[in-house]
Amino acid sequence: MRVAIAYPPLPSDKGVPLLGQNRQFQWFNRPTYIYPVVPALAATQAKKAGHEVAWLDGIASEWTREQFDAELAAFTPEVIVLETKTPVVKRHWRIVAELKAKFPATAVVMVGDHVTALPEETMANCPVDYLLTGGDYDFLLVNLLAHWGDPAGFEPGIYWREVDGTVRNSGPFRLDHDLKTLPWIDRELTRWRLYSERNGNYRKTPGTYLMSGRDCWHGKCTFCSWTTLYPTYRVRDPMDVVDEIGHLIEAYGIREIMDDTGSLPVGGWLKTFCDEMIRRGYHKRIRIDCNMRFGKLTAEEYRLMRKAGFRLVLFGLESANQATLDRLVKALKVEAIESGARAASKAGLDVHVTVMFGYPWENEADMANTVTLARRLLRKGYAYTLQVTQVVPYPGTPLFKELKANGQLLTEDWDDYDMRGPVMRSGVPEEKIKEAIRTVYRAFLHPETVIRRLVSTRDPIADFRFYWRGFRSLLGHLRDFKG
């Protein structure tokens, strides 16, 4: 079959949508394009199964809607696969209706955390043909194509529409696919260069993404939309991951890789991976970025990671208030945040932390605690970069269910769930929340931060290019959360 993995353009005066490979949707004033790993694996597996596949990312390609439609028409797909998220799902409903009107013989498949949480809603609001729920929609797509027109062969997790309009499903999705059977992503098919430069994580380019696991071994944070997709944690073989990294180095000249597993595997997996990276000499040729959790690794393990080629480690700080961390089920003590950031940074790793404001139970004093901690981490050099956002309770998450049950949601208009305005009741005015975000970001301009950054410069040309990109991103974030 002819299959298009497609991201229609979503023009907006809010900026560029961070849609694919993103747990927390945002509009960015400064374009950022993240390589969507699971959709890329869907394309790769479909091609390997004998289907003709086109990768049509109208967002990263910066196409107009007319250009996107022309590319789609030229390919004449039998199946179009769209990934969606809560803040743009209504726009995707309209796009599905337009695509079905323009290409009536083409089936449309939708995937993502929103349709996983509320499948019946999307089936009722647009003429979509299929939904693939859960996070293994790459495997489910291959199954759907193999049993096209024969629902008896469908794996659990698929919704479809009968000829008479009746909606059926094959039962709750299961995460029983073996990640060790995954092929390496076909980078040419999925146009990896679109995502290789304009990404704030990369210090060296070209860069790309992979995932050693799905998704987080903690997997209990009540706000995270990907806990909806991946309630079960699984990993790839560490040797296979190292093999793929070697291929990326040799075939494409990749200089930095973001392993976007929700939490990188630890313990024996991590040691095997690091030892093999060092044994093969890859640690001298590439830098690796990853997600990690505070309080899990020792100083010795951080040093091993640095020796193995790791550069950037991303941590979820979220709040400096223990009551909030407990309520979010972070399994994290506040005191472990600064000590963990210090240990990782002293090992030579660049630490990135994520911070959120707008929890309905926090007051201005609570927010001030988080502002103080985040700014101190930057000034002391324990955090190299950070990202600050507003809390969004995505459908399907425990946080959404809690707030809905307590009558604390201000709206269920999904257009509003884009971090640009409040969707929950709060004792703190919206402008105070945005000012807290801007205050944290302005810590990048604090003299102590600037001096530490200059003193730590290793490669003047490459580093100053990175600093310049970071400064432009900072200006973009300040515009993103302007009053």
Foldseek 3Di string as FASTA:
>chain_A
DEEEAEAAADDDPLAAWPFALDFAIAHFNQDAHAQRALSLLLQVVLVVLPYHYAYYYCRLVVHHNVVSVVVCVVSLGQEYEYEGFLQCLLVVQVVQQVVCVVNVNHAYEYEYLQCQQPVVVSLVRHVHFKYAHADNVSVQSNQCVVQPPNCVSHAFRMWGADPVGDIDGPHHHDDPDAPQPGDPRPCVRNVQVSNQPRHLVDLDTREHEAAQKAADPLLQQQQGSSSSRPVDIHGYQLVVVVVVVVCCCVVPVGAEYEHHHQAPDDDPSLVVNLVVLVVVVVLVRHEYEYEHEFPDDDLVSLLSNNSSRYAEYEYELAFLDPVVCVVRVVPDHSVRVQVRLQSNVVSVHAYEYEYEDDDQPDDLVRLVSRLVVLLVCLLVRSHLYYHYAYRARGRPGNVVVVQVVVVFFPDPNSSPRHRQDDGGHHPYDLLSRLVSRLSSLCSCVPPSNVVVLVVPDDDVVSSVVSVVSVVVSSVRVNVSSPD
